[in-house]
Amino acid sequence: MNKIFAVIGLGIYGRTICEILTDKGGEVIAIDNTVEQINRVKDFVSQAILLDSTDEDALTDAPFDQVDVAIIAIGDNIEASILTTTLLKQLGVPYIVARAVNKTHYKVLKQVGANEVINIEEDQGMRLALNLIAPSIMEKVQLSKTIIISELLLPKKYINQKLSALDLKKQFQLGLTALRRNNLTLDAEGGTLRNEALLFPEEDDKLLEGDILIMVGQEEKIEEFQQNGEL
């Protein structure tokens, strides 16, 4: 029987976890308190539930008695992540993974019952080293021992090509979660305005110079893709 995972908090981080777990054959219950985020995952997860994870009554009504692992992917709302961890522990969820944004947050999550805590602060030194040795890789978040989320400057080889040309899944076993793009416009006085947009491209969409790819997969595969694109 496949494991059942609950992912709480469906920003880029949580949504990416949903995608990876689903691709690997896991059953995923995705939970968020906004309709917009639920709509982004409802077509590929097992269940998508709209609820406030800090509401004890709402959590009690959700199917956590079936869940093997709960991943609390809530971002900077420290209070919500701690309360959610506490409530899930009370509900008897066997294994809880939570995301911390600093050392104090990490300690509190462990104290209230998280079995595993991903400490975002500890990743900062690793990101700096990575940026120094490979400047086109801009950000990296460790999801597991082998899987990362990485921001990567679009390699020269793929500028002005369609997304399908990257051949990410077949050749590199990578996923593209989204991309960041700077749109340049002029103000009333002729000055340049830079507006950053977060896009979710389709296979036929063209990639542009300066695009930042938000990718998921094994670190060595991301590095291989980067090197291949610079040849």
C-alpha atoms as a PDB file:
ATOM      1  CA  MET A   1       0.000   0.000   0.000  1.00  0.00           C
ATOM      2  CA  ASN A   2       1.313   3.455  -0.919  1.00  0.00           C
ATOM      3  CA  LYS A   3       2.076   5.899   1.837  1.00  0.00           C
ATOM      4  CA  ILE A   4      -0.383   8.737   2.343  1.00  0.00           C
ATOM      5  CA  PHE A   5       1.127  12.199   2.751  1.00  0.00           C
ATOM      6  CA  ALA A   6      -0.512  15.423   3.884  1.00  0.00           C
ATOM      7  CA  VAL A   7       1.139  18.614   2.654  1.00  0.00           C
ATOM      8  CA  ILE A   8       0.009  21.746   4.493  1.00  0.00           C
ATOM      9  CA  GLY A   9       0.828  25.078   2.885  1.00  0.00           C
ATOM     10  CA  LEU A  10       0.814  25.190  -0.913  1.00  0.00           C
ATOM     11  CA  GLY A  11       3.221  27.933  -1.861  1.00  0.00           C
ATOM     12  CA  ILE A  12       5.988  27.051  -4.299  1.00  0.00           C
ATOM     13  CA  TYR A  13       7.722  24.951  -1.638  1.00  0.00           C
ATOM     14  CA  GLY A  14       4.644  22.948  -0.657  1.00  0.00           C
ATOM     15  CA  ARG A  15       3.344  22.637  -4.197  1.00  0.00           C
ATOM     16  CA  THR A  16       6.684  21.263  -5.358  1.00  0.00           C
ATOM     17  CA  ILE A  17       6.626  18.643  -2.610  1.00  0.00           C
ATOM     18  CA  CYS A  18       3.142  17.620  -3.778  1.00  0.00           C
ATOM     19  CA  GLU A  19       4.410  17.212  -7.347  1.00  0.00           C
ATOM     20  CA  ILE A  20       7.409  15.102  -6.352  1.00  0.00           C
ATOM     21  CA  LEU A  21       5.449  12.841  -4.012  1.00  0.00           C
ATOM     22  CA  THR A  22       2.738  12.320  -6.628  1.00  0.00           C
ATOM     23  CA  ASP A  23       5.282  11.569  -9.360  1.00  0.00           C
ATOM     24  CA  LYS A  24       6.879   8.967  -7.088  1.00  0.00           C
ATOM     25  CA  GLY A  25       3.540   7.226  -6.566  1.00  0.00           C
ATOM     26  CA  GLY A  26       2.523   8.644  -3.194  1.00  0.00           C
ATOM     27  CA  GLU A  27      -1.034   9.560  -2.307  1.00  0.00           C
ATOM     28  CA  VAL A  28      -1.120  13.245  -1.432  1.00  0.00           C
ATOM     29  CA  ILE A  29      -3.677  15.220   0.553  1.00  0.00           C
ATOM     30  CA  ALA A  30      -2.963  18.890  -0.157  1.00  0.00           C
ATOM     31  CA  ILE A  31      -4.192  21.470   2.348  1.00  0.00           C
ATOM     32  CA  ASP A  32      -4.252  25.250   2.264  1.00  0.00           C
ATOM     33  CA  ASN A  33      -6.467  28.082   3.467  1.00  0.00           C
ATOM     34  CA  THR A  34      -6.727  29.824   0.074  1.00  0.00           C
ATOM     35  CA  VAL A  35      -8.802  28.793  -2.929  1.00  0.00           C
ATOM     36  CA  GLU A  36      -6.121  29.965  -5.362  1.00  0.00           C
ATOM     37  CA  GLN A  37      -3.500  27.572  -4.020  1.00  0.00           C
ATOM     38  CA  ILE A  38      -5.961  24.675  -3.835  1.00  0.00           C
ATOM     39  CA  ASN A  39      -6.883  25.205  -7.483  1.00  0.00           C
ATOM     40  CA  ARG A  40      -3.233  24.897  -8.501  1.00  0.00           C
ATOM     41  CA  VAL A  41      -2.892  21.346  -7.164  1.00  0.00           C
ATOM     42  CA  LYS A  42      -6.379  19.848  -7.232  1.00  0.00           C
ATOM     43  CA  ASP A  43      -5.922  18.205 -10.634  1.00  0.00           C
ATOM     44  CA  PHE A  44      -2.918  16.079  -9.697  1.00  0.00           C
ATOM     45  CA  VAL A  45      -3.149  15.306  -5.967  1.00  0.00           C
ATOM     46  CA  SER A  46      -5.389  12.650  -4.405  1.00  0.00           C
ATOM     47  CA  GLN A  47      -7.364  15.212  -2.381  1.00  0.00           C
ATOM     48  CA  ALA A  48      -7.222  19.000  -2.117  1.00  0.00           C
ATOM     49  CA  ILE A  49      -8.808  20.394   1.031  1.00  0.00           C
ATOM     50  CA  LEU A  50      -9.528  24.028   1.812  1.00  0.00           C
ATOM     51  CA  LEU A  51      -9.111  24.620   5.534  1.00  0.00           C
ATOM     52  CA  ASP A  52      -7.268  26.612   8.169  1.00  0.00           C
ATOM     53  CA  SER A  53      -4.697  24.278   9.723  1.00  0.00           C
ATOM     54  CA  THR A  54      -4.707  26.300  12.951  1.00  0.00           C
ATOM     55  CA  ASP A  55      -8.417  25.503  13.460  1.00  0.00           C
ATOM     56  CA  GLU A  56      -8.554  22.441  15.708  1.00  0.00           C
ATOM     57  CA  ASP A  57     -12.133  21.531  14.756  1.00  0.00           C
ATOM     58  CA  ALA A  58     -11.339  21.744  11.025  1.00  0.00           C
ATOM     59  CA  LEU A  59      -8.268  19.521  11.419  1.00  0.00           C
ATOM     60  CA  THR A  60     -10.245  16.969  13.421  1.00  0.00           C
ATOM     61  CA  ASP A  61     -12.731  16.662  10.555  1.00  0.00           C
ATOM     62  CA  ALA A  62      -9.950  16.134   7.969  1.00  0.00           C
ATOM     63  CA  PRO A  63      -8.795  12.551   7.197  1.00  0.00           C
ATOM     64  CA  PHE A  64      -5.582  12.637   9.231  1.00  0.00           C
ATOM     65  CA  ASP A  65      -6.307   9.198  10.635  1.00  0.00           C
ATOM     66  CA  GLN A  66      -5.220   7.892   7.198  1.00  0.00           C
ATOM     67  CA  VAL A  67      -2.027   9.962   6.971  1.00  0.00           C
ATOM     68  CA  ASP A  68       1.412   8.378   7.380  1.00  0.00           C
ATOM     69  CA  VAL A  69       3.487  11.554   7.032  1.00  0.00           C
ATOM     70  CA  ALA A  70       2.482  15.219   7.344  1.00  0.00           C
ATOM     71  CA  ILE A  71       4.698  17.914   5.817  1.00  0.00           C
ATOM     72  CA  ILE A  72       4.110  21.411   7.186  1.00  0.00           C
ATOM     73  CA  ALA A  73       5.339  23.637   4.375  1.00  0.00           C
ATOM     74  CA  ILE A  74       3.937  26.883   5.767  1.00  0.00           C
ATOM     75  CA  GLY A  75       6.273  29.775   5.002  1.00  0.00           C
ATOM     76  CA  ASP A  76       7.037  32.695   7.307  1.00  0.00           C
ATOM     77  CA  ASN A  77       3.938  32.408   9.500  1.00  0.00           C
ATOM     78  CA  ILE A  78       5.844  30.951  12.432  1.00  0.00           C
ATOM     79  CA  GLU A  79       2.854  30.928  14.786  1.00  0.00           C
ATOM     80  CA  ALA A  80       0.734  28.977  12.290  1.00  0.00           C
ATOM     81  CA  SER A  81       3.442  26.370  11.665  1.00  0.00           C
ATOM     82  CA  ILE A  82       3.968  25.786  15.388  1.00  0.00           C
ATOM     83  CA  LEU A  83       0.260  25.528  16.156  1.00  0.00           C
ATOM     84  CA  THR A  84      -0.311  23.220  13.194  1.00  0.00           C
ATOM     85  CA  THR A  85       2.532  20.951  14.352  1.00  0.00           C
ATOM     86  CA  THR A  86       1.081  20.843  17.870  1.00  0.00           C
ATOM     87  CA  LEU A  87      -2.411  19.961  16.640  1.00  0.00           C
ATOM     88  CA  LEU A  88      -1.184  17.241  14.285  1.00  0.00           C
ATOM     89  CA  LYS A  89       0.832  15.691  17.100  1.00  0.00           C
ATOM     90  CA  GLN A  90      -2.311  15.657  19.248  1.00  0.00           C
ATOM     91  CA  LEU A  91      -4.189  13.966  16.403  1.00  0.00           C
ATOM     92  CA  GLY A  92      -1.625  11.174  16.409  1.00  0.00           C
ATOM     93  CA  VAL A  93      -0.047  11.685  12.978  1.00  0.00           C
ATOM     94  CA  PRO A  94       2.844   9.166  12.984  1.00  0.00           C
ATOM     95  CA  TYR A  95       5.535  11.342  11.386  1.00  0.00           C
ATOM     96  CA  ILE A  96       5.611  15.126  11.082  1.00  0.00           C
ATOM     97  CA  VAL A  97       8.079  17.112   8.981  1.00  0.00           C
ATOM     98  CA  ALA A  98       8.091  20.876   9.506  1.00  0.00           C
ATOM     99  CA  ARG A  99       9.889  23.814   7.905  1.00  0.00           C
ATOM    100  CA  ALA A 100      11.782  26.279  10.123  1.00  0.00           C
ATOM    101  CA  VAL A 101      12.954  29.741   9.152  1.00  0.00           C
ATOM    102  CA  ASN A 102      15.438  30.269  12.005  1.00  0.00           C
ATOM    103  CA  LYS A 103      17.083  28.419  14.895  1.00  0.00           C
ATOM    104  CA  THR A 104      14.504  29.437  17.498  1.00  0.00           C
ATOM    105  CA  HIS A 105      11.699  28.289  15.235  1.00  0.00           C
ATOM    106  CA  TYR A 106      13.579  25.010  14.737  1.00  0.00           C
ATOM    107  CA  LYS A 107      13.864  24.398  18.492  1.00  0.00           C
ATOM    108  CA  VAL A 108      10.188  25.137  19.162  1.00  0.00           C
ATOM    109  CA  LEU A 109       9.023  22.832  16.357  1.00  0.00           C
ATOM    110  CA  LYS A 110      11.097  20.011  17.841  1.00  0.00           C
ATOM    111  CA  GLN A 111       9.701  20.717  21.294  1.00  0.00           C
ATOM    112  CA  VAL A 112       6.075  20.569  20.171  1.00  0.00           C
ATOM    113  CA  GLY A 113       6.521  17.250  18.397  1.00  0.00           C
ATOM    114  CA  ALA A 114       7.972  17.571  14.889  1.00  0.00           C
ATOM    115  CA  ASN A 115       9.905  14.406  14.051  1.00  0.00           C
ATOM    116  CA  GLU A 116      12.015  16.169  11.449  1.00  0.00           C
ATOM    117  CA  VAL A 117      12.659  19.882  10.895  1.00  0.00           C
ATOM    118  CA  ILE A 118      14.159  21.412   7.776  1.00  0.00           C
ATOM    119  CA  ASN A 119      16.138  24.436   8.929  1.00  0.00           C
ATOM    120  CA  ILE A 120      16.113  27.045   6.159  1.00  0.00           C
ATOM    121  CA  GLU A 121      18.673  29.174   8.010  1.00  0.00           C
ATOM    122  CA  GLU A 122      21.279  26.405   7.865  1.00  0.00           C
ATOM    123  CA  ASP A 123      20.988  26.357   4.074  1.00  0.00           C
ATOM    124  CA  GLN A 124      22.315  29.911   3.749  1.00  0.00           C
ATOM    125  CA  GLY A 125      26.006  29.020   3.919  1.00  0.00           C
ATOM    126  CA  MET A 126      25.494  26.269   1.367  1.00  0.00           C
ATOM    127  CA  ARG A 127      23.727  28.708  -0.956  1.00  0.00           C
ATOM    128  CA  LEU A 128      26.573  31.209  -0.687  1.00  0.00           C
ATOM    129  CA  ALA A 129      29.157  28.561  -1.552  1.00  0.00           C
ATOM    130  CA  LEU A 130      27.036  27.360  -4.448  1.00  0.00           C
ATOM    131  CA  ASN A 131      26.659  30.888  -5.792  1.00  0.00           C
ATOM    132  CA  LEU A 132      30.409  31.432  -5.619  1.00  0.00           C
ATOM    133  CA  ILE A 133      31.281  28.252  -7.469  1.00  0.00           C
ATOM    134  CA  ALA A 134      28.323  28.266  -9.887  1.00  0.00           C
ATOM    135  CA  PRO A 135      26.942  31.829 -10.201  1.00  0.00           C
ATOM    136  CA  SER A 136      24.108  30.848 -12.552  1.00  0.00           C
ATOM    137  CA  ILE A 137      22.575  28.711  -9.778  1.00  0.00           C
ATOM    138  CA  MET A 138      20.994  31.411  -7.624  1.00  0.00           C
ATOM    139  CA  GLU A 139      19.081  29.688  -4.819  1.00  0.00           C
ATOM    140  CA  LYS A 140      18.778  26.172  -3.462  1.00  0.00           C
ATOM    141  CA  VAL A 141      16.506  24.522  -0.886  1.00  0.00           C
ATOM    142  CA  GLN A 142      17.141  20.943   0.202  1.00  0.00           C
ATOM    143  CA  LEU A 143      13.978  18.814   0.150  1.00  0.00           C
ATOM    144  CA  SER A 144      15.716  15.550   0.985  1.00  0.00           C
ATOM    145  CA  LYS A 145      19.213  14.077   0.868  1.00  0.00           C
ATOM    146  CA  THR A 146      19.110  13.981  -2.930  1.00  0.00           C
ATOM    147  CA  ILE A 147      16.291  16.299  -4.079  1.00  0.00           C
ATOM    148  CA  ILE A 148      16.505  20.100  -4.173  1.00  0.00           C
ATOM    149  CA  ILE A 149      14.534  23.093  -5.407  1.00  0.00           C
ATOM    150  CA  SER A 150      16.905  25.371  -7.294  1.00  0.00           C
ATOM    151  CA  GLU A 151      16.714  28.735  -9.016  1.00  0.00           C
ATOM    152  CA  LEU A 152      18.806  28.651 -12.174  1.00  0.00           C
ATOM    153  CA  LEU A 153      19.517  31.351 -14.720  1.00  0.00           C
ATOM    154  CA  LEU A 154      18.314  30.133 -18.130  1.00  0.00           C
ATOM    155  CA  PRO A 155      21.378  28.699 -19.927  1.00  0.00           C
ATOM    156  CA  LYS A 156      22.416  30.448 -23.142  1.00  0.00           C
ATOM    157  CA  LYS A 157      21.600  27.412 -25.289  1.00  0.00           C
ATOM    158  CA  TYR A 158      17.881  27.677 -24.523  1.00  0.00           C
ATOM    159  CA  ILE A 159      17.338  31.428 -24.949  1.00  0.00           C
ATOM    160  CA  ASN A 160      14.388  32.084 -27.316  1.00  0.00           C
ATOM    161  CA  GLN A 161      13.525  28.379 -27.465  1.00  0.00           C
ATOM    162  CA  LYS A 162      10.279  26.762 -26.380  1.00  0.00           C
ATOM    163  CA  LEU A 163      10.091  25.048 -23.008  1.00  0.00           C
ATOM    164  CA  SER A 164       9.731  21.714 -24.792  1.00  0.00           C
ATOM    165  CA  ALA A 165      13.278  22.149 -26.178  1.00  0.00           C
ATOM    166  CA  LEU A 166      14.739  21.744 -22.683  1.00  0.00           C
ATOM    167  CA  ASP A 167      13.629  18.085 -22.621  1.00  0.00           C
ATOM    168  CA  LEU A 168      13.698  18.264 -18.823  1.00  0.00           C
ATOM    169  CA  LYS A 169      11.810  15.140 -17.812  1.00  0.00           C
ATOM    170  CA  LYS A 170      13.111  12.729 -20.451  1.00  0.00           C
ATOM    171  CA  GLN A 171      16.769  13.713 -20.531  1.00  0.00           C
ATOM    172  CA  PHE A 172      17.415  15.102 -17.055  1.00  0.00           C
ATOM    173  CA  GLN A 173      14.553  13.791 -14.847  1.00  0.00           C
ATOM    174  CA  LEU A 174      13.860  17.361 -13.730  1.00  0.00           C
ATOM    175  CA  GLY A 175      10.689  19.353 -13.194  1.00  0.00           C
ATOM    176  CA  LEU A 176      10.120  23.049 -13.888  1.00  0.00           C
ATOM    177  CA  THR A 177       7.830  24.432 -11.181  1.00  0.00           C
ATOM    178  CA  ALA A 178       7.771  28.045 -12.362  1.00  0.00           C
ATOM    179  CA  LEU A 179       9.983  30.816 -13.675  1.00  0.00           C
ATOM    180  CA  ARG A 180      10.697  34.391 -12.674  1.00  0.00           C
ATOM    181  CA  ARG A 181      10.849  37.005 -15.433  1.00  0.00           C
ATOM    182  CA  ASN A 182      11.680  40.706 -15.354  1.00  0.00           C
ATOM    183  CA  ASN A 183       9.456  42.820 -17.584  1.00  0.00           C
ATOM    184  CA  LEU A 184      10.903  46.197 -18.567  1.00  0.00           C
ATOM    185  CA  THR A 185       8.659  49.205 -19.215  1.00  0.00           C
ATOM    186  CA  LEU A 186       9.165  52.974 -19.399  1.00  0.00           C
ATOM    187  CA  ASP A 187       7.735  55.490 -16.948  1.00  0.00           C
ATOM    188  CA  ALA A 188       6.280  58.881 -17.897  1.00  0.00           C
ATOM    189  CA  GLU A 189       9.743  60.433 -17.914  1.00  0.00           C
ATOM    190  CA  GLY A 190      11.317  57.708 -20.036  1.00  0.00           C
ATOM    191  CA  GLY A 191      12.976  55.895 -17.161  1.00  0.00           C
ATOM    192  CA  THR A 192      13.168  52.120 -17.061  1.00  0.00           C
ATOM    193  CA  LEU A 193      10.827  50.232 -14.706  1.00  0.00           C
ATOM    194  CA  ARG A 194      11.580  46.625 -13.846  1.00  0.00           C
ATOM    195  CA  ASN A 195       8.640  44.432 -12.777  1.00  0.00           C
ATOM    196  CA  GLU A 196       9.230  40.833 -11.783  1.00  0.00           C
ATOM    197  CA  ALA A 197       6.539  38.266 -12.629  1.00  0.00           C
ATOM    198  CA  LEU A 198       6.161  34.658 -11.504  1.00  0.00           C
ATOM    199  CA  LEU A 199       5.035  32.532 -14.462  1.00  0.00           C
ATOM    200  CA  PHE A 200       3.880  28.942 -14.885  1.00  0.00           C
ATOM    201  CA  PRO A 201       4.890  28.217 -18.503  1.00  0.00           C
ATOM    202  CA  GLU A 202       3.362  25.704 -20.894  1.00  0.00           C
ATOM    203  CA  GLU A 203       5.375  23.485 -23.240  1.00  0.00           C
ATOM    204  CA  ASP A 204       4.868  25.846 -26.194  1.00  0.00           C
ATOM    205  CA  ASP A 205       5.916  28.995 -24.310  1.00  0.00           C
ATOM    206  CA  LYS A 206       9.167  30.660 -25.391  1.00  0.00           C
ATOM    207  CA  LEU A 207      11.930  31.197 -22.850  1.00  0.00           C
ATOM    208  CA  LEU A 208      13.682  34.562 -22.756  1.00  0.00           C
ATOM    209  CA  GLU A 209      17.132  35.783 -21.814  1.00  0.00           C
ATOM    210  CA  GLY A 210      17.274  36.528 -18.102  1.00  0.00           C
ATOM    211  CA  ASP A 211      14.527  34.057 -17.115  1.00  0.00           C
ATOM    212  CA  ILE A 212      15.115  32.399 -13.742  1.00  0.00           C
ATOM    213  CA  LEU A 213      14.015  28.745 -13.768  1.00  0.00           C
ATOM    214  CA  ILE A 214      12.658  27.277 -10.536  1.00  0.00           C
ATOM    215  CA  MET A 215      13.563  23.617 -10.888  1.00  0.00           C
ATOM    216  CA  VAL A 216      13.144  20.422  -8.874  1.00  0.00           C
ATOM    217  CA  GLY A 217      15.243  17.290  -8.990  1.00  0.00           C
ATOM    218  CA  GLN A 218      18.556  15.731  -8.069  1.00  0.00           C
ATOM    219  CA  GLU A 219      21.329  18.269  -7.582  1.00  0.00           C
ATOM    220  CA  GLU A 220      23.693  16.508  -9.965  1.00  0.00           C
ATOM    221  CA  LYS A 221      21.011  16.482 -12.671  1.00  0.00           C
ATOM    222  CA  ILE A 222      20.461  20.240 -12.296  1.00  0.00           C
ATOM    223  CA  GLU A 223      24.207  20.788 -12.616  1.00  0.00           C
ATOM    224  CA  GLU A 224      24.264  18.513 -15.676  1.00  0.00           C
ATOM    225  CA  PHE A 225      21.424  20.501 -17.260  1.00  0.00           C
ATOM    226  CA  GLN A 226      23.237  23.766 -16.549  1.00  0.00           C
ATOM    227  CA  GLN A 227      26.491  22.536 -18.074  1.00  0.00           C
ATOM    228  CA  ASN A 228      24.732  21.130 -21.116  1.00  0.00           C
ATOM    229  CA  GLY A 229      22.999  24.466 -21.686  1.00  0.00           C
ATOM    230  CA  GLU A 230      26.251  26.409 -21.613  1.00  0.00           C
ATOM    231  CA  LEU A 231      28.001  24.266 -24.245  1.00  0.00           C
END
